[in-house]
Amino acid sequence: MPGNSGKSFWFRLVRQLDLQLMVIPAMILILIFSYLPMYGVLMAFQDYDIFQGFLHSPWVGFKHFQMFFEAPEFWTVMRNTFVISSLRLLIGFPAPILLALILNEVVHMRFKRVIQTVSYLPHFLSWVIVSGFVASMLATDNGSLNMLLQKLHLVNEPVNFLSIPEYFWAILIGTGVWKEIGFSAIVYLAAIAGINPEIYEAASIDGASRLKKMWYITLPGISGVITIFMILAVGDILSAGFEDILLLAKNPVLQDVSDVIDTYVYRVGIRNSLFSYAAAVGLFKSVISVILLTAANMVARKLGRSLW
């Protein structure tokens, strides 16, 4: 049996040689940019000196982790990270699913294509462009939102939205949803396209309405894809954002509501050349993410769907 399994493996490898060759570049990229740099986590347990390198820098154990846990910004950073990530999960995760369900019900194909194109184009814009657009729209000087509010007599004077902490989370989440909703919906539209149309025809004969077909056929049909993306989203819950927050929260007044783990690592660790401290915070984030990912997968396994 072992000999047969070995032959079977090489036989399949030869038969799928064209597919294997397509995978090799991706595997090389992952190896170079994801696995080889993993030795860098050693910095988290050293007082790393760029001139002494990894082999000769002094070991300090969990010193930098303790420094992070005892830092005055620790609870603020963790609160902002979890709140922003939870809002992204609660609002940003179901938004593309809802858009895909709505687009699936559109009969006019030309109108459907236009909506799809318009909705996923923002994904290809960099956050530099998007943040500039948002800042221009919310500006106190000729900003379109302030002009509209003044025309409607809802405000007497322009409001500086990007300088008021209470508005920042709503602006950040709303901008993120607008930018990614269309592109994320493509996956769910592809999953919906894989549902057997005969099931819809049978439901129509039985007198099922569009809403019931959506609830009893479409959603169960894409539940596997939804579960996979939910598991990944839970595992990534500590990644509250970096570029978007860094560009939208330029005003120091917003730091108490915008500083998350990634921006904190950049601001305190990288800019101040505290490489070991930055590595420790990043490793802490990665460990928690793995724990959350594993827990989410265990829950999904009990429901009959999991990644592994």
C-alpha atoms as a PDB file:
ATOM      1  CA  MET A   1       0.000   0.000   0.000  1.00  0.00           C
ATOM      2  CA  PRO A   2       2.731   2.586   0.774  1.00  0.00           C
ATOM      3  CA  GLY A   3       4.346   1.882  -2.585  1.00  0.00           C
ATOM      4  CA  ASN A   4       1.032   2.312  -4.399  1.00  0.00           C
ATOM      5  CA  SER A   5       0.296   5.575  -2.615  1.00  0.00           C
ATOM      6  CA  GLY A   6       3.737   6.901  -3.627  1.00  0.00           C
ATOM      7  CA  LYS A   7       3.158   5.940  -7.231  1.00  0.00           C
ATOM      8  CA  SER A   8      -0.307   7.483  -7.082  1.00  0.00           C
ATOM      9  CA  PHE A   9       1.154  10.751  -5.798  1.00  0.00           C
ATOM     10  CA  TRP A  10       3.730  11.020  -8.579  1.00  0.00           C
ATOM     11  CA  PHE A  11       1.143   9.954 -11.143  1.00  0.00           C
ATOM     12  CA  ARG A  12      -1.209  12.751 -10.037  1.00  0.00           C
ATOM     13  CA  LEU A  13       1.711  15.189  -9.969  1.00  0.00           C
ATOM     14  CA  VAL A  14       2.587  14.411 -13.590  1.00  0.00           C
ATOM     15  CA  ARG A  15      -1.046  14.598 -14.694  1.00  0.00           C
ATOM     16  CA  GLN A  16      -1.487  17.972 -12.994  1.00  0.00           C
ATOM     17  CA  LEU A  17       1.909  19.336 -14.000  1.00  0.00           C
ATOM     18  CA  ASP A  18       0.440  22.415 -15.706  1.00  0.00           C
ATOM     19  CA  LEU A  19      -1.545  23.290 -12.566  1.00  0.00           C
ATOM     20  CA  GLN A  20       1.457  22.655 -10.316  1.00  0.00           C
ATOM     21  CA  LEU A  21       3.608  24.982 -12.427  1.00  0.00           C
ATOM     22  CA  MET A  22       0.987  27.714 -11.980  1.00  0.00           C
ATOM     23  CA  VAL A  23       1.108  27.280  -8.189  1.00  0.00           C
ATOM     24  CA  ILE A  24       4.920  27.366  -7.905  1.00  0.00           C
ATOM     25  CA  PRO A  25       5.282  31.203  -8.293  1.00  0.00           C
ATOM     26  CA  ALA A  26       2.701  31.773  -5.555  1.00  0.00           C
ATOM     27  CA  MET A  27       4.482  29.275  -3.274  1.00  0.00           C
ATOM     28  CA  ILE A  28       7.810  31.026  -3.889  1.00  0.00           C
ATOM     29  CA  LEU A  29       6.273  34.414  -3.019  1.00  0.00           C
ATOM     30  CA  ILE A  30       4.764  33.016   0.191  1.00  0.00           C
ATOM     31  CA  LEU A  31       8.081  31.395   1.107  1.00  0.00           C
ATOM     32  CA  ILE A  32      10.079  34.590   0.531  1.00  0.00           C
ATOM     33  CA  PHE A  33       7.697  37.140   2.044  1.00  0.00           C
ATOM     34  CA  SER A  34       5.877  35.078   4.713  1.00  0.00           C
ATOM     35  CA  TYR A  35       8.061  32.229   5.967  1.00  0.00           C
ATOM     36  CA  LEU A  36      11.667  33.373   5.589  1.00  0.00           C
ATOM     37  CA  PRO A  37      11.080  36.645   7.521  1.00  0.00           C
ATOM     38  CA  MET A  38       9.593  34.704  10.467  1.00  0.00           C
ATOM     39  CA  TYR A  39      13.015  34.546  12.132  1.00  0.00           C
ATOM     40  CA  GLY A  40      12.478  38.262  12.747  1.00  0.00           C
ATOM     41  CA  VAL A  41      10.209  37.435  15.700  1.00  0.00           C
ATOM     42  CA  LEU A  42      13.420  36.817  17.640  1.00  0.00           C
ATOM     43  CA  MET A  43      13.664  40.611  17.956  1.00  0.00           C
ATOM     44  CA  ALA A  44      10.691  40.541  20.314  1.00  0.00           C
ATOM     45  CA  PHE A  45      12.853  38.738  22.890  1.00  0.00           C
ATOM     46  CA  GLN A  46      16.006  40.814  22.373  1.00  0.00           C
ATOM     47  CA  ASP A  47      17.257  44.344  22.776  1.00  0.00           C
ATOM     48  CA  TYR A  48      17.917  44.298  19.066  1.00  0.00           C
ATOM     49  CA  ASP A  49      20.855  46.295  17.784  1.00  0.00           C
ATOM     50  CA  ILE A  50      20.998  46.740  14.034  1.00  0.00           C
ATOM     51  CA  PHE A  51      24.816  46.636  14.145  1.00  0.00           C
ATOM     52  CA  GLN A  52      25.050  43.507  16.314  1.00  0.00           C
ATOM     53  CA  GLY A  53      22.352  41.565  14.465  1.00  0.00           C
ATOM     54  CA  PHE A  54      20.211  38.685  15.711  1.00  0.00           C
ATOM     55  CA  LEU A  55      23.115  36.516  16.850  1.00  0.00           C
ATOM     56  CA  HIS A  56      24.805  39.030  19.131  1.00  0.00           C
ATOM     57  CA  SER A  57      21.946  41.235  20.391  1.00  0.00           C
ATOM     58  CA  PRO A  58      21.288  40.652  24.119  1.00  0.00           C
ATOM     59  CA  TRP A  59      18.323  38.488  25.131  1.00  0.00           C
ATOM     60  CA  VAL A  60      15.771  40.130  27.458  1.00  0.00           C
ATOM     61  CA  GLY A  61      12.946  37.572  27.493  1.00  0.00           C
ATOM     62  CA  PHE A  62       9.458  39.079  27.843  1.00  0.00           C
ATOM     63  CA  LYS A  63      10.666  42.567  28.727  1.00  0.00           C
ATOM     64  CA  HIS A  64       9.077  44.263  25.703  1.00  0.00           C
ATOM     65  CA  PHE A  65       5.771  42.439  26.146  1.00  0.00           C
ATOM     66  CA  GLN A  66       5.653  43.641  29.750  1.00  0.00           C
ATOM     67  CA  MET A  67       6.446  47.172  28.595  1.00  0.00           C
ATOM     68  CA  PHE A  68       3.492  47.049  26.192  1.00  0.00           C
ATOM     69  CA  PHE A  69       1.084  45.671  28.800  1.00  0.00           C
ATOM     70  CA  GLU A  70       2.145  48.356  31.268  1.00  0.00           C
ATOM     71  CA  ALA A  71       2.142  51.217  28.722  1.00  0.00           C
ATOM     72  CA  PRO A  72      -0.402  53.969  29.507  1.00  0.00           C
ATOM     73  CA  GLU A  73      -1.777  53.671  25.957  1.00  0.00           C
ATOM     74  CA  PHE A  74      -2.377  49.888  26.194  1.00  0.00           C
ATOM     75  CA  TRP A  75      -6.071  49.909  27.090  1.00  0.00           C
ATOM     76  CA  THR A  76      -6.849  52.775  24.706  1.00  0.00           C
ATOM     77  CA  VAL A  77      -5.143  50.965  21.832  1.00  0.00           C
ATOM     78  CA  MET A  78      -6.871  47.650  22.619  1.00  0.00           C
ATOM     79  CA  ARG A  79     -10.262  49.340  23.004  1.00  0.00           C
ATOM     80  CA  ASN A  80      -9.955  51.154  19.693  1.00  0.00           C
ATOM     81  CA  THR A  81      -8.733  47.997  17.949  1.00  0.00           C
ATOM     82  CA  PHE A  82     -11.604  45.842  19.168  1.00  0.00           C
ATOM     83  CA  VAL A  83     -14.276  48.502  18.675  1.00  0.00           C
ATOM     84  CA  ILE A  84     -13.223  49.400  15.120  1.00  0.00           C
ATOM     85  CA  SER A  85     -12.765  45.729  14.181  1.00  0.00           C
ATOM     86  CA  SER A  86     -16.143  44.792  15.682  1.00  0.00           C
ATOM     87  CA  LEU A  87     -17.856  47.611  13.784  1.00  0.00           C
ATOM     88  CA  ARG A  88     -16.191  46.439  10.570  1.00  0.00           C
ATOM     89  CA  LEU A  89     -17.409  42.907  11.298  1.00  0.00           C
ATOM     90  CA  LEU A  90     -20.973  43.908  12.210  1.00  0.00           C
ATOM     91  CA  ILE A  91     -21.441  46.425   9.371  1.00  0.00           C
ATOM     92  CA  GLY A  92     -18.794  45.725   6.763  1.00  0.00           C
ATOM     93  CA  PHE A  93     -19.141  41.931   6.702  1.00  0.00           C
ATOM     94  CA  PRO A  94     -22.891  41.607   5.921  1.00  0.00           C
ATOM     95  CA  ALA A  95     -22.914  44.618   3.542  1.00  0.00           C
ATOM     96  CA  PRO A  96     -21.473  42.776   0.480  1.00  0.00           C
ATOM     97  CA  ILE A  97     -23.739  39.798   1.175  1.00  0.00           C
ATOM     98  CA  LEU A  98     -26.763  42.093   1.133  1.00  0.00           C
ATOM     99  CA  LEU A  99     -25.540  43.778  -2.063  1.00  0.00           C
ATOM    100  CA  ALA A 100     -25.020  40.392  -3.737  1.00  0.00           C
ATOM    101  CA  LEU A 101     -28.532  39.272  -2.763  1.00  0.00           C
ATOM    102  CA  ILE A 102     -30.032  42.498  -4.129  1.00  0.00           C
ATOM    103  CA  LEU A 103     -28.055  42.328  -7.380  1.00  0.00           C
ATOM    104  CA  ASN A 104     -29.098  38.716  -7.823  1.00  0.00           C
ATOM    105  CA  GLU A 105     -32.732  39.845  -7.882  1.00  0.00           C
ATOM    106  CA  VAL A 106     -32.131  42.509 -10.562  1.00  0.00           C
ATOM    107  CA  VAL A 107     -33.587  41.281 -13.851  1.00  0.00           C
ATOM    108  CA  HIS A 108     -32.315  44.058 -16.137  1.00  0.00           C
ATOM    109  CA  MET A 109     -28.805  42.822 -16.995  1.00  0.00           C
ATOM    110  CA  ARG A 110     -27.434  46.150 -18.278  1.00  0.00           C
ATOM    111  CA  PHE A 111     -28.528  47.976 -15.119  1.00  0.00           C
ATOM    112  CA  LYS A 112     -27.063  45.143 -13.026  1.00  0.00           C
ATOM    113  CA  ARG A 113     -23.675  45.406 -14.763  1.00  0.00           C
ATOM    114  CA  VAL A 114     -23.598  49.182 -14.299  1.00  0.00           C
ATOM    115  CA  ILE A 115     -24.292  48.847 -10.566  1.00  0.00           C
ATOM    116  CA  GLN A 116     -21.626  46.152 -10.222  1.00  0.00           C
ATOM    117  CA  THR A 117     -19.032  48.226 -12.057  1.00  0.00           C
ATOM    118  CA  VAL A 118     -19.766  51.397 -10.100  1.00  0.00           C
ATOM    119  CA  SER A 119     -19.728  49.537  -6.766  1.00  0.00           C
ATOM    120  CA  TYR A 120     -16.431  47.703  -7.188  1.00  0.00           C
ATOM    121  CA  LEU A 121     -14.420  50.496  -8.859  1.00  0.00           C
ATOM    122  CA  PRO A 122     -13.532  52.187  -5.510  1.00  0.00           C
ATOM    123  CA  HIS A 123     -11.649  49.027  -4.520  1.00  0.00           C
ATOM    124  CA  PHE A 124      -8.980  49.857  -7.106  1.00  0.00           C
ATOM    125  CA  LEU A 125      -8.427  53.354  -5.714  1.00  0.00           C
ATOM    126  CA  SER A 126      -5.578  53.752  -3.235  1.00  0.00           C
ATOM    127  CA  TRP A 127      -6.339  54.963   0.268  1.00  0.00           C
ATOM    128  CA  VAL A 128      -4.381  58.130  -0.528  1.00  0.00           C
ATOM    129  CA  ILE A 129      -6.952  59.045  -3.184  1.00  0.00           C
ATOM    130  CA  VAL A 130      -9.920  57.909  -1.097  1.00  0.00           C
ATOM    131  CA  SER A 131      -8.781  59.807   2.002  1.00  0.00           C
ATOM    132  CA  GLY A 132      -8.246  62.935  -0.111  1.00  0.00           C
ATOM    133  CA  PHE A 133     -11.733  62.559  -1.533  1.00  0.00           C
ATOM    134  CA  VAL A 134     -13.252  62.132   1.940  1.00  0.00           C
ATOM    135  CA  ALA A 135     -11.297  65.091   3.336  1.00  0.00           C
ATOM    136  CA  SER A 136     -12.443  67.252   0.423  1.00  0.00           C
ATOM    137  CA  MET A 137     -16.070  66.200   0.853  1.00  0.00           C
ATOM    138  CA  LEU A 138     -16.019  66.874   4.616  1.00  0.00           C
ATOM    139  CA  ALA A 139     -13.981  70.100   4.420  1.00  0.00           C
ATOM    140  CA  THR A 140     -15.311  73.207   6.125  1.00  0.00           C
ATOM    141  CA  ASP A 141     -14.329  75.304   3.103  1.00  0.00           C
ATOM    142  CA  ASN A 142     -16.609  74.362   0.187  1.00  0.00           C
ATOM    143  CA  GLY A 143     -17.010  70.766   1.384  1.00  0.00           C
ATOM    144  CA  SER A 144     -20.040  69.199  -0.312  1.00  0.00           C
ATOM    145  CA  LEU A 145     -21.492  67.748   2.914  1.00  0.00           C
ATOM    146  CA  ASN A 146     -21.269  71.031   4.813  1.00  0.00           C
ATOM    147  CA  MET A 147     -22.748  72.921   1.871  1.00  0.00           C
ATOM    148  CA  LEU A 148     -25.674  70.467   1.755  1.00  0.00           C
ATOM    149  CA  LEU A 149     -26.296  70.693   5.515  1.00  0.00           C
ATOM    150  CA  GLN A 150     -26.247  74.484   5.361  1.00  0.00           C
ATOM    151  CA  LYS A 151     -28.620  74.535   2.382  1.00  0.00           C
ATOM    152  CA  LEU A 152     -31.022  72.339   4.341  1.00  0.00           C
ATOM    153  CA  HIS A 153     -30.602  74.652   7.385  1.00  0.00           C
ATOM    154  CA  LEU A 154     -29.468  71.710   9.530  1.00  0.00           C
ATOM    155  CA  VAL A 155     -26.320  73.577  10.640  1.00  0.00           C
ATOM    156  CA  ASN A 156     -25.546  77.285  10.867  1.00  0.00           C
ATOM    157  CA  GLU A 157     -21.775  76.974  10.485  1.00  0.00           C
ATOM    158  CA  PRO A 158     -19.569  74.387   8.751  1.00  0.00           C
ATOM    159  CA  VAL A 159     -18.675  71.375  10.899  1.00  0.00           C
ATOM    160  CA  ASN A 160     -15.096  70.116  10.934  1.00  0.00           C
ATOM    161  CA  PHE A 161     -16.012  66.420  10.943  1.00  0.00           C
ATOM    162  CA  LEU A 162     -12.412  65.179  10.834  1.00  0.00           C
ATOM    163  CA  SER A 163     -11.593  67.057  14.030  1.00  0.00           C
ATOM    164  CA  ILE A 164     -14.447  65.678  16.152  1.00  0.00           C
ATOM    165  CA  PRO A 165     -13.629  62.310  17.822  1.00  0.00           C
ATOM    166  CA  GLU A 166     -17.314  61.333  18.096  1.00  0.00           C
ATOM    167  CA  TYR A 167     -17.656  61.208  14.291  1.00  0.00           C
ATOM    168  CA  PHE A 168     -14.429  59.407  13.444  1.00  0.00           C
ATOM    169  CA  TRP A 169     -15.569  55.775  13.799  1.00  0.00           C
ATOM    170  CA  ALA A 170     -18.637  56.410  11.631  1.00  0.00           C
ATOM    171  CA  ILE A 171     -16.524  58.141   8.947  1.00  0.00           C
ATOM    172  CA  LEU A 172     -13.908  55.359   8.999  1.00  0.00           C
ATOM    173  CA  ILE A 173     -16.391  52.468   8.814  1.00  0.00           C
ATOM    174  CA  GLY A 174     -18.574  54.196   6.221  1.00  0.00           C
ATOM    175  CA  THR A 175     -15.584  54.932   3.990  1.00  0.00           C
ATOM    176  CA  GLY A 176     -14.330  51.355   4.301  1.00  0.00           C
ATOM    177  CA  VAL A 177     -17.710  49.876   3.396  1.00  0.00           C
ATOM    178  CA  TRP A 178     -18.055  52.200   0.387  1.00  0.00           C
ATOM    179  CA  LYS A 179     -14.586  51.247  -0.847  1.00  0.00           C
ATOM    180  CA  GLU A 180     -14.831  47.450  -0.499  1.00  0.00           C
ATOM    181  CA  ILE A 181     -18.511  46.487  -0.697  1.00  0.00           C
ATOM    182  CA  GLY A 182     -18.631  45.971  -4.451  1.00  0.00           C
ATOM    183  CA  PHE A 183     -15.425  43.975  -4.771  1.00  0.00           C
ATOM    184  CA  SER A 184     -16.306  41.746  -1.801  1.00  0.00           C
ATOM    185  CA  ALA A 185     -19.743  41.068  -3.301  1.00  0.00           C
ATOM    186  CA  ILE A 186     -18.136  39.434  -6.366  1.00  0.00           C
ATOM    187  CA  VAL A 187     -17.315  36.294  -4.369  1.00  0.00           C
ATOM    188  CA  TYR A 188     -20.892  35.946  -3.122  1.00  0.00           C
ATOM    189  CA  LEU A 189     -22.306  36.582  -6.606  1.00  0.00           C
ATOM    190  CA  ALA A 190     -20.075  33.793  -7.917  1.00  0.00           C
ATOM    191  CA  ALA A 191     -21.343  31.487  -5.173  1.00  0.00           C
ATOM    192  CA  ILE A 192     -24.953  32.383  -5.988  1.00  0.00           C
ATOM    193  CA  ALA A 193     -24.301  31.634  -9.671  1.00  0.00           C
ATOM    194  CA  GLY A 194     -23.345  28.091  -8.650  1.00  0.00           C
ATOM    195  CA  ILE A 195     -26.780  27.340  -7.192  1.00  0.00           C
ATOM    196  CA  ASN A 196     -28.864  25.044  -9.378  1.00  0.00           C
ATOM    197  CA  PRO A 197     -31.517  27.221 -11.129  1.00  0.00           C
ATOM    198  CA  GLU A 198     -33.926  24.277 -11.110  1.00  0.00           C
ATOM    199  CA  ILE A 199     -34.318  24.764  -7.350  1.00  0.00           C
ATOM    200  CA  TYR A 200     -35.596  28.303  -7.973  1.00  0.00           C
ATOM    201  CA  GLU A 201     -37.955  27.018 -10.670  1.00  0.00           C
ATOM    202  CA  ALA A 202     -39.367  24.387  -8.315  1.00  0.00           C
ATOM    203  CA  ALA A 203     -39.824  27.023  -5.609  1.00  0.00           C
ATOM    204  CA  SER A 204     -41.638  29.313  -8.089  1.00  0.00           C
ATOM    205  CA  ILE A 205     -44.017  26.486  -9.001  1.00  0.00           C
ATOM    206  CA  ASP A 206     -44.746  26.023  -5.297  1.00  0.00           C
ATOM    207  CA  GLY A 207     -45.613  29.735  -5.090  1.00  0.00           C
ATOM    208  CA  ALA A 208     -42.573  30.936  -3.162  1.00  0.00           C
ATOM    209  CA  SER A 209     -42.004  34.692  -3.241  1.00  0.00           C
ATOM    210  CA  ARG A 210     -38.646  36.283  -4.071  1.00  0.00           C
ATOM    211  CA  LEU A 211     -38.016  36.953  -0.416  1.00  0.00           C
ATOM    212  CA  LYS A 212     -38.666  33.327   0.544  1.00  0.00           C
ATOM    213  CA  LYS A 213     -36.436  32.046  -2.272  1.00  0.00           C
ATOM    214  CA  MET A 214     -33.721  34.384  -1.054  1.00  0.00           C
ATOM    215  CA  TRP A 215     -34.112  33.176   2.539  1.00  0.00           C
ATOM    216  CA  TYR A 216     -34.595  29.440   1.949  1.00  0.00           C
ATOM    217  CA  ILE A 217     -32.483  28.866  -1.194  1.00  0.00           C
ATOM    218  CA  THR A 218     -29.927  31.610  -1.835  1.00  0.00           C
ATOM    219  CA  LEU A 219     -28.641  32.147   1.708  1.00  0.00           C
ATOM    220  CA  PRO A 220     -28.326  28.402   2.518  1.00  0.00           C
ATOM    221  CA  GLY A 221     -26.670  27.937  -0.887  1.00  0.00           C
ATOM    222  CA  ILE A 222     -23.873  30.385  -0.058  1.00  0.00           C
ATOM    223  CA  SER A 223     -23.663  29.614   3.660  1.00  0.00           C
ATOM    224  CA  GLY A 224     -20.402  27.700   3.165  1.00  0.00           C
ATOM    225  CA  VAL A 225     -18.694  30.730   1.613  1.00  0.00           C
ATOM    226  CA  ILE A 226     -20.126  33.005   4.301  1.00  0.00           C
ATOM    227  CA  THR A 227     -18.800  30.698   7.034  1.00  0.00           C
ATOM    228  CA  ILE A 228     -15.285  30.620   5.572  1.00  0.00           C
ATOM    229  CA  PHE A 229     -15.117  34.388   5.286  1.00  0.00           C
ATOM    230  CA  MET A 230     -16.573  34.785   8.783  1.00  0.00           C
ATOM    231  CA  ILE A 231     -13.855  32.538  10.251  1.00  0.00           C
ATOM    232  CA  LEU A 232     -11.163  34.559   8.466  1.00  0.00           C
ATOM    233  CA  ALA A 233     -12.759  37.834   9.591  1.00  0.00           C
ATOM    234  CA  VAL A 234     -12.810  36.725  13.238  1.00  0.00           C
ATOM    235  CA  GLY A 235      -9.166  35.648  13.019  1.00  0.00           C
ATOM    236  CA  ASP A 236      -8.316  39.049  11.555  1.00  0.00           C
ATOM    237  CA  ILE A 237     -10.264  41.015  14.144  1.00  0.00           C
ATOM    238  CA  LEU A 238      -7.123  42.653  15.576  1.00  0.00           C
ATOM    239  CA  SER A 239      -6.301  44.105  12.153  1.00  0.00           C
ATOM    240  CA  ALA A 240      -8.439  47.191  12.533  1.00  0.00           C
ATOM    241  CA  GLY A 241      -6.694  48.981   9.685  1.00  0.00           C
ATOM    242  CA  PHE A 242      -3.558  50.960   9.025  1.00  0.00           C
ATOM    243  CA  GLU A 243      -3.494  53.047   5.845  1.00  0.00           C
ATOM    244  CA  ASP A 244      -7.080  54.256   6.191  1.00  0.00           C
ATOM    245  CA  ILE A 245      -6.652  55.250   9.845  1.00  0.00           C
ATOM    246  CA  LEU A 246      -3.241  56.798   9.268  1.00  0.00           C
ATOM    247  CA  LEU A 247      -4.571  58.974   6.443  1.00  0.00           C
ATOM    248  CA  LEU A 248      -7.982  59.883   7.874  1.00  0.00           C
ATOM    249  CA  ALA A 249      -6.791  60.533  11.438  1.00  0.00           C
ATOM    250  CA  LYS A 250      -4.077  63.076  10.706  1.00  0.00           C
ATOM    251  CA  ASN A 251      -5.445  65.438  13.341  1.00  0.00           C
ATOM    252  CA  PRO A 252      -3.801  64.658  16.744  1.00  0.00           C
ATOM    253  CA  VAL A 253      -7.158  65.310  18.414  1.00  0.00           C
ATOM    254  CA  LEU A 254      -8.363  61.975  17.000  1.00  0.00           C
ATOM    255  CA  GLN A 255      -5.559  59.871  18.478  1.00  0.00           C
ATOM    256  CA  ASP A 256      -7.630  58.721  21.471  1.00  0.00           C
ATOM    257  CA  VAL A 257     -10.201  57.133  19.145  1.00  0.00           C
ATOM    258  CA  SER A 258      -7.988  56.195  16.180  1.00  0.00           C
ATOM    259  CA  ASP A 259      -4.843  54.657  17.667  1.00  0.00           C
ATOM    260  CA  VAL A 260      -4.979  50.879  17.011  1.00  0.00           C
ATOM    261  CA  ILE A 261      -2.287  48.199  17.273  1.00  0.00           C
ATOM    262  CA  ASP A 262      -0.925  48.701  13.753  1.00  0.00           C
ATOM    263  CA  THR A 263      -0.736  52.490  13.973  1.00  0.00           C
ATOM    264  CA  TYR A 264       0.703  52.232  17.498  1.00  0.00           C
ATOM    265  CA  VAL A 265       3.471  49.916  16.253  1.00  0.00           C
ATOM    266  CA  TYR A 266       4.257  52.375  13.464  1.00  0.00           C
ATOM    267  CA  ARG A 267       4.102  55.455  15.690  1.00  0.00           C
ATOM    268  CA  VAL A 268       5.961  54.168  18.746  1.00  0.00           C
ATOM    269  CA  GLY A 269       7.997  51.248  17.444  1.00  0.00           C
ATOM    270  CA  ILE A 270       9.069  52.062  13.895  1.00  0.00           C
ATOM    271  CA  ARG A 271       9.324  55.869  13.974  1.00  0.00           C
ATOM    272  CA  ASN A 272      11.250  55.772  17.270  1.00  0.00           C
ATOM    273  CA  SER A 273      13.460  52.879  16.056  1.00  0.00           C
ATOM    274  CA  LEU A 274      12.239  50.616  18.895  1.00  0.00           C
ATOM    275  CA  PHE A 275      12.350  47.565  16.659  1.00  0.00           C
ATOM    276  CA  SER A 276      12.218  44.978  19.450  1.00  0.00           C
ATOM    277  CA  TYR A 277       9.239  46.695  21.041  1.00  0.00           C
ATOM    278  CA  ALA A 278       7.432  46.852  17.674  1.00  0.00           C
ATOM    279  CA  ALA A 279       8.179  43.155  17.061  1.00  0.00           C
ATOM    280  CA  ALA A 280       6.808  42.236  20.495  1.00  0.00           C
ATOM    281  CA  VAL A 281       3.531  44.092  19.915  1.00  0.00           C
ATOM    282  CA  GLY A 282       3.217  42.565  16.451  1.00  0.00           C
ATOM    283  CA  LEU A 283       3.859  39.061  17.807  1.00  0.00           C
ATOM    284  CA  PHE A 284       1.267  39.603  20.548  1.00  0.00           C
ATOM    285  CA  LYS A 285      -1.251  40.566  17.875  1.00  0.00           C
ATOM    286  CA  SER A 286      -0.417  37.494  15.778  1.00  0.00           C
ATOM    287  CA  VAL A 287      -0.761  35.079  18.709  1.00  0.00           C
ATOM    288  CA  ILE A 288      -4.181  36.479  19.671  1.00  0.00           C
ATOM    289  CA  SER A 289      -5.273  36.315  16.011  1.00  0.00           C
ATOM    290  CA  VAL A 290      -4.298  32.633  15.778  1.00  0.00           C
ATOM    291  CA  ILE A 291      -6.223  31.876  18.983  1.00  0.00           C
ATOM    292  CA  LEU A 292      -9.337  33.666  17.674  1.00  0.00           C
ATOM    293  CA  LEU A 293      -9.030  31.938  14.280  1.00  0.00           C
ATOM    294  CA  THR A 294      -8.769  28.519  15.924  1.00  0.00           C
ATOM    295  CA  ALA A 295     -11.735  29.224  18.214  1.00  0.00           C
ATOM    296  CA  ALA A 296     -13.883  30.418  15.295  1.00  0.00           C
ATOM    297  CA  ASN A 297     -12.961  27.310  13.315  1.00  0.00           C
ATOM    298  CA  MET A 298     -13.902  25.056  16.246  1.00  0.00           C
ATOM    299  CA  VAL A 299     -17.319  26.714  16.488  1.00  0.00           C
ATOM    300  CA  ALA A 300     -17.787  26.373  12.723  1.00  0.00           C
ATOM    301  CA  ARG A 301     -16.806  22.683  12.898  1.00  0.00           C
ATOM    302  CA  LYS A 302     -19.581  22.042  15.398  1.00  0.00           C
ATOM    303  CA  LEU A 303     -21.986  23.626  12.903  1.00  0.00           C
ATOM    304  CA  GLY A 304     -20.747  21.291  10.190  1.00  0.00           C
ATOM    305  CA  ARG A 305     -18.479  23.726   8.305  1.00  0.00           C
ATOM    306  CA  SER A 306     -14.855  24.570   8.975  1.00  0.00           C
ATOM    307  CA  LEU A 307     -11.562  25.405   7.288  1.00  0.00           C
ATOM    308  CA  TRP A 308      -9.760  22.381   8.724  1.00  0.00           C
END
